[in-house]
């Protein structure tokens, strides 16, 4: 269950940083909403895969940087999955 809620934990962490992570917060929030609407269940794995797909599908260098940094933040705050 912790894995499902850590997307929101990461989002709250980014939001508490104020404008420092404004773009990343926006991207992560949109990602969580899209996953929730399409899959119903938001997991770190789903967030990571979604961000990787977005990163692969954009050619905008600025957007790639934002997506890459968001991905780094999510992976850095994701606990190891002990139950594979």
N, C-alpha and C. Protein backbone atom coordinates (compact mmCIF):
# COMPACT_ATOMS: atom_id res chain seq x y z
N UNK A 1 0.80 -1.20 0.00
CA UNK A 1 0.00 0.00 0.00
C UNK A 1 0.85 1.27 0.00
N UNK A 2 2.02 1.22 0.57
CA UNK A 2 2.87 2.40 0.63
C UNK A 2 3.23 2.87 -0.77
N UNK A 3 3.43 1.91 -1.68
CA UNK A 3 3.81 2.27 -3.04
C UNK A 3 2.72 3.09 -3.72
N UNK A 4 1.46 2.78 -3.46
CA UNK A 4 0.36 3.48 -4.10
C UNK A 4 0.26 4.93 -3.64
N UNK A 5 0.59 5.20 -2.41
CA UNK A 5 0.42 6.54 -1.88
C UNK A 5 1.68 7.40 -2.01
N UNK A 6 2.81 6.80 -2.35
CA UNK A 6 4.03 7.61 -2.39
C UNK A 6 4.04 8.60 -3.54
N UNK A 7 3.24 8.39 -4.58
CA UNK A 7 3.12 9.40 -5.63
C UNK A 7 2.61 10.70 -5.05
N UNK A 8 1.61 10.59 -4.18
CA UNK A 8 1.08 11.79 -3.52
C UNK A 8 2.08 12.36 -2.53
N UNK A 9 2.84 11.50 -1.86
CA UNK A 9 3.86 11.96 -0.93
C UNK A 9 4.92 12.76 -1.67
N UNK A 10 5.35 12.25 -2.81
CA UNK A 10 6.34 12.95 -3.62
C UNK A 10 5.77 14.28 -4.11
N UNK A 11 4.53 14.26 -4.55
CA UNK A 11 3.88 15.49 -5.01
C UNK A 11 3.81 16.52 -3.90
N UNK A 12 3.45 16.11 -2.69
CA UNK A 12 3.39 17.04 -1.56
C UNK A 12 4.77 17.59 -1.24
N UNK A 13 5.79 16.74 -1.34
CA UNK A 13 7.17 17.19 -1.11
C UNK A 13 7.56 18.28 -2.12
N UNK A 14 7.23 18.06 -3.37
CA UNK A 14 7.55 19.05 -4.41
C UNK A 14 6.78 20.34 -4.20
N UNK A 15 5.52 20.21 -3.80
CA UNK A 15 4.69 21.39 -3.59
C UNK A 15 5.21 22.21 -2.40
N UNK A 16 5.76 21.54 -1.40
CA UNK A 16 6.27 22.25 -0.23
C UNK A 16 7.54 23.04 -0.54
N UNK A 17 8.16 22.74 -1.67
CA UNK A 17 9.38 23.45 -2.06
C UNK A 17 9.07 24.77 -2.75
N UNK A 18 7.80 25.08 -2.90
CA UNK A 18 7.41 26.35 -3.53
C UNK A 18 7.72 26.37 -5.01
N UNK A 19 8.25 27.49 -5.48
CA UNK A 19 8.51 27.67 -6.91
C UNK A 19 9.72 26.89 -7.41
N UNK A 20 10.52 26.35 -6.51
CA UNK A 20 11.73 25.63 -6.89
C UNK A 20 11.42 24.48 -7.84
N UNK A 21 10.34 23.76 -7.58
CA UNK A 21 9.95 22.61 -8.41
C UNK A 21 8.59 22.82 -9.06
N UNK A 22 8.27 24.03 -9.43
CA UNK A 22 6.94 24.33 -9.98
C UNK A 22 6.64 23.51 -11.23
N UNK A 23 7.56 23.45 -12.15
CA UNK A 23 7.34 22.69 -13.39
C UNK A 23 7.22 21.20 -13.12
N UNK A 24 8.08 20.69 -12.25
CA UNK A 24 8.05 19.27 -11.91
C UNK A 24 6.76 18.91 -11.19
N UNK A 25 6.29 19.81 -10.32
CA UNK A 25 5.04 19.59 -9.60
C UNK A 25 3.88 19.51 -10.58
N UNK A 26 3.88 20.39 -11.54
CA UNK A 26 2.83 20.39 -12.56
C UNK A 26 2.84 19.09 -13.37
N UNK A 27 4.02 18.67 -13.79
CA UNK A 27 4.16 17.43 -14.57
C UNK A 27 3.72 16.23 -13.75
N UNK A 28 4.19 16.14 -12.51
CA UNK A 28 3.84 15.00 -11.66
C UNK A 28 2.34 14.98 -11.35
N UNK A 29 1.77 16.13 -11.08
CA UNK A 29 0.33 16.19 -10.82
C UNK A 29 -0.48 15.71 -12.01
N UNK A 30 -0.10 16.17 -13.19
CA UNK A 30 -0.80 15.75 -14.42
C UNK A 30 -0.61 14.25 -14.66
N UNK A 31 0.58 13.76 -14.39
CA UNK A 31 0.87 12.33 -14.56
C UNK A 31 0.00 11.50 -13.62
N UNK A 32 -0.08 11.90 -12.37
CA UNK A 32 -0.89 11.17 -11.40
C UNK A 32 -2.36 11.18 -11.81
N UNK A 33 -2.85 12.32 -12.26
CA UNK A 33 -4.26 12.41 -12.70
C UNK A 33 -4.51 11.50 -13.90
N UNK A 34 -3.60 11.52 -14.88
CA UNK A 34 -3.77 10.69 -16.08
C UNK A 34 -3.76 9.21 -15.74
N UNK A 35 -2.85 8.81 -14.87
CA UNK A 35 -2.78 7.40 -14.47
C UNK A 35 -4.04 7.01 -13.70
N UNK A 36 -4.48 7.85 -12.79
CA UNK A 36 -5.68 7.56 -12.00
C UNK A 36 -6.90 7.39 -12.90
N UNK A 37 -7.02 8.24 -13.91
CA UNK A 37 -8.17 8.16 -14.82
C UNK A 37 -8.09 6.92 -15.71
N UNK A 38 -6.90 6.57 -16.17
CA UNK A 38 -6.80 5.45 -17.11
C UNK A 38 -6.67 4.09 -16.43
N UNK A 39 -5.99 4.06 -15.28
CA UNK A 39 -5.73 2.77 -14.64
C UNK A 39 -6.45 2.61 -13.30
N UNK A 40 -6.85 3.72 -12.72
CA UNK A 40 -7.54 3.66 -11.44
C UNK A 40 -6.62 3.53 -10.24
N UNK A 41 -5.44 3.00 -10.44
CA UNK A 41 -4.49 2.79 -9.35
C UNK A 41 -3.16 3.45 -9.73
N UNK A 42 -2.67 4.32 -8.87
CA UNK A 42 -1.42 5.02 -9.12
C UNK A 42 -0.32 4.38 -8.29
N UNK A 43 0.70 3.88 -8.98
CA UNK A 43 1.86 3.30 -8.30
C UNK A 43 3.11 4.02 -8.79
N UNK A 44 4.18 3.86 -8.04
CA UNK A 44 5.44 4.46 -8.46
C UNK A 44 5.88 3.91 -9.81
N UNK A 45 5.68 2.62 -10.01
CA UNK A 45 6.04 2.00 -11.28
C UNK A 45 5.27 2.64 -12.43
N UNK A 46 3.98 2.86 -12.24
CA UNK A 46 3.16 3.48 -13.28
C UNK A 46 3.62 4.91 -13.56
N UNK A 47 3.97 5.63 -12.50
CA UNK A 47 4.46 7.01 -12.67
C UNK A 47 5.76 7.01 -13.45
N UNK A 48 6.68 6.15 -13.07
CA UNK A 48 7.98 6.08 -13.73
C UNK A 48 7.83 5.71 -15.21
N UNK A 49 7.01 4.70 -15.49
CA UNK A 49 6.80 4.29 -16.88
C UNK A 49 6.15 5.39 -17.70
N UNK A 50 5.19 6.08 -17.10
CA UNK A 50 4.50 7.18 -17.80
C UNK A 50 5.49 8.30 -18.13
N UNK A 51 6.34 8.66 -17.17
CA UNK A 51 7.32 9.73 -17.40
C UNK A 51 8.33 9.32 -18.47
N UNK A 52 8.74 8.06 -18.46
CA UNK A 52 9.68 7.59 -19.49
C UNK A 52 9.04 7.66 -20.87
N UNK A 53 7.78 7.26 -20.97
CA UNK A 53 7.07 7.34 -22.27
C UNK A 53 6.97 8.79 -22.74
N UNK A 54 6.64 9.70 -21.81
CA UNK A 54 6.57 11.11 -22.19
C UNK A 54 7.92 11.62 -22.64
N UNK A 55 8.96 11.21 -21.95
CA UNK A 55 10.31 11.62 -22.29
C UNK A 55 10.69 11.13 -23.68
N UNK A 56 10.30 9.91 -24.01
CA UNK A 56 10.58 9.35 -25.33
C UNK A 56 9.79 10.03 -26.44
N UNK A 57 8.61 10.56 -26.09
CA UNK A 57 7.72 11.11 -27.11
C UNK A 57 7.85 12.60 -27.35
N UNK A 58 8.74 13.28 -26.65
CA UNK A 58 8.87 14.72 -26.85
C UNK A 58 10.24 15.05 -27.44
N UNK A 59 10.22 16.05 -28.29
CA UNK A 59 11.49 16.52 -28.86
C UNK A 59 11.85 17.90 -28.32
N UNK A 60 10.97 18.45 -27.50
CA UNK A 60 11.21 19.76 -26.89
C UNK A 60 12.27 19.61 -25.79
N UNK A 61 13.40 20.26 -25.97
CA UNK A 61 14.53 20.11 -25.05
C UNK A 61 14.18 20.57 -23.65
N UNK A 62 13.45 21.66 -23.53
CA UNK A 62 13.07 22.17 -22.22
C UNK A 62 12.14 21.17 -21.53
N UNK A 63 11.15 20.66 -22.25
CA UNK A 63 10.24 19.68 -21.68
C UNK A 63 10.97 18.40 -21.30
N UNK A 64 11.95 17.99 -22.11
CA UNK A 64 12.75 16.81 -21.78
C UNK A 64 13.48 17.01 -20.46
N UNK A 65 14.04 18.19 -20.25
CA UNK A 65 14.74 18.47 -18.99
C UNK A 65 13.79 18.40 -17.80
N UNK A 66 12.60 18.96 -17.95
CA UNK A 66 11.61 18.93 -16.86
C UNK A 66 11.19 17.49 -16.57
N UNK A 67 10.91 16.74 -17.62
CA UNK A 67 10.50 15.34 -17.44
C UNK A 67 11.63 14.52 -16.81
N UNK A 68 12.85 14.74 -17.27
CA UNK A 68 14.00 14.01 -16.73
C UNK A 68 14.19 14.32 -15.25
N UNK A 69 14.08 15.58 -14.90
CA UNK A 69 14.25 15.96 -13.50
C UNK A 69 13.11 15.41 -12.64
N UNK A 70 11.90 15.43 -13.15
CA UNK A 70 10.76 14.85 -12.43
C UNK A 70 10.99 13.36 -12.22
N UNK A 71 11.44 12.69 -13.25
CA UNK A 71 11.73 11.26 -13.16
C UNK A 71 12.81 10.99 -12.11
N UNK A 72 13.85 11.79 -12.11
CA UNK A 72 14.92 11.65 -11.12
C UNK A 72 14.38 11.83 -9.70
N UNK A 73 13.51 12.80 -9.51
CA UNK A 73 12.93 13.04 -8.19
C UNK A 73 12.07 11.88 -7.74
N UNK A 74 11.28 11.33 -8.66
CA UNK A 74 10.41 10.20 -8.31
C UNK A 74 11.25 8.97 -7.99
N UNK A 75 12.22 8.67 -8.82
CA UNK A 75 13.06 7.49 -8.58
C UNK A 75 13.86 7.66 -7.29
N UNK A 76 14.33 8.86 -7.02
CA UNK A 76 15.11 9.11 -5.82
C UNK A 76 14.31 8.98 -4.55
N UNK A 77 13.00 9.16 -4.62
CA UNK A 77 12.16 9.08 -3.42
C UNK A 77 11.30 7.82 -3.40
N UNK A 78 11.55 6.90 -4.31
CA UNK A 78 10.80 5.66 -4.39
C UNK A 78 11.50 4.60 -3.56
N UNK A 79 10.78 4.02 -2.58
CA UNK A 79 11.40 2.93 -1.79
C UNK A 79 11.61 1.70 -2.66
N UNK A 80 12.62 0.93 -2.31
CA UNK A 80 12.85 -0.31 -3.04
C UNK A 80 11.63 -1.21 -2.93
N UNK A 81 11.29 -1.85 -4.03
CA UNK A 81 10.13 -2.73 -4.04
C UNK A 81 10.58 -4.11 -3.58
N UNK A 82 10.19 -4.48 -2.38
CA UNK A 82 10.59 -5.76 -1.82
C UNK A 82 9.69 -6.90 -2.28
N UNK A 83 8.51 -6.59 -2.79
CA UNK A 83 7.56 -7.61 -3.19
C UNK A 83 7.39 -7.54 -4.71
N UNK A 84 8.23 -8.27 -5.41
CA UNK A 84 8.19 -8.24 -6.89
C UNK A 84 7.24 -9.30 -7.39
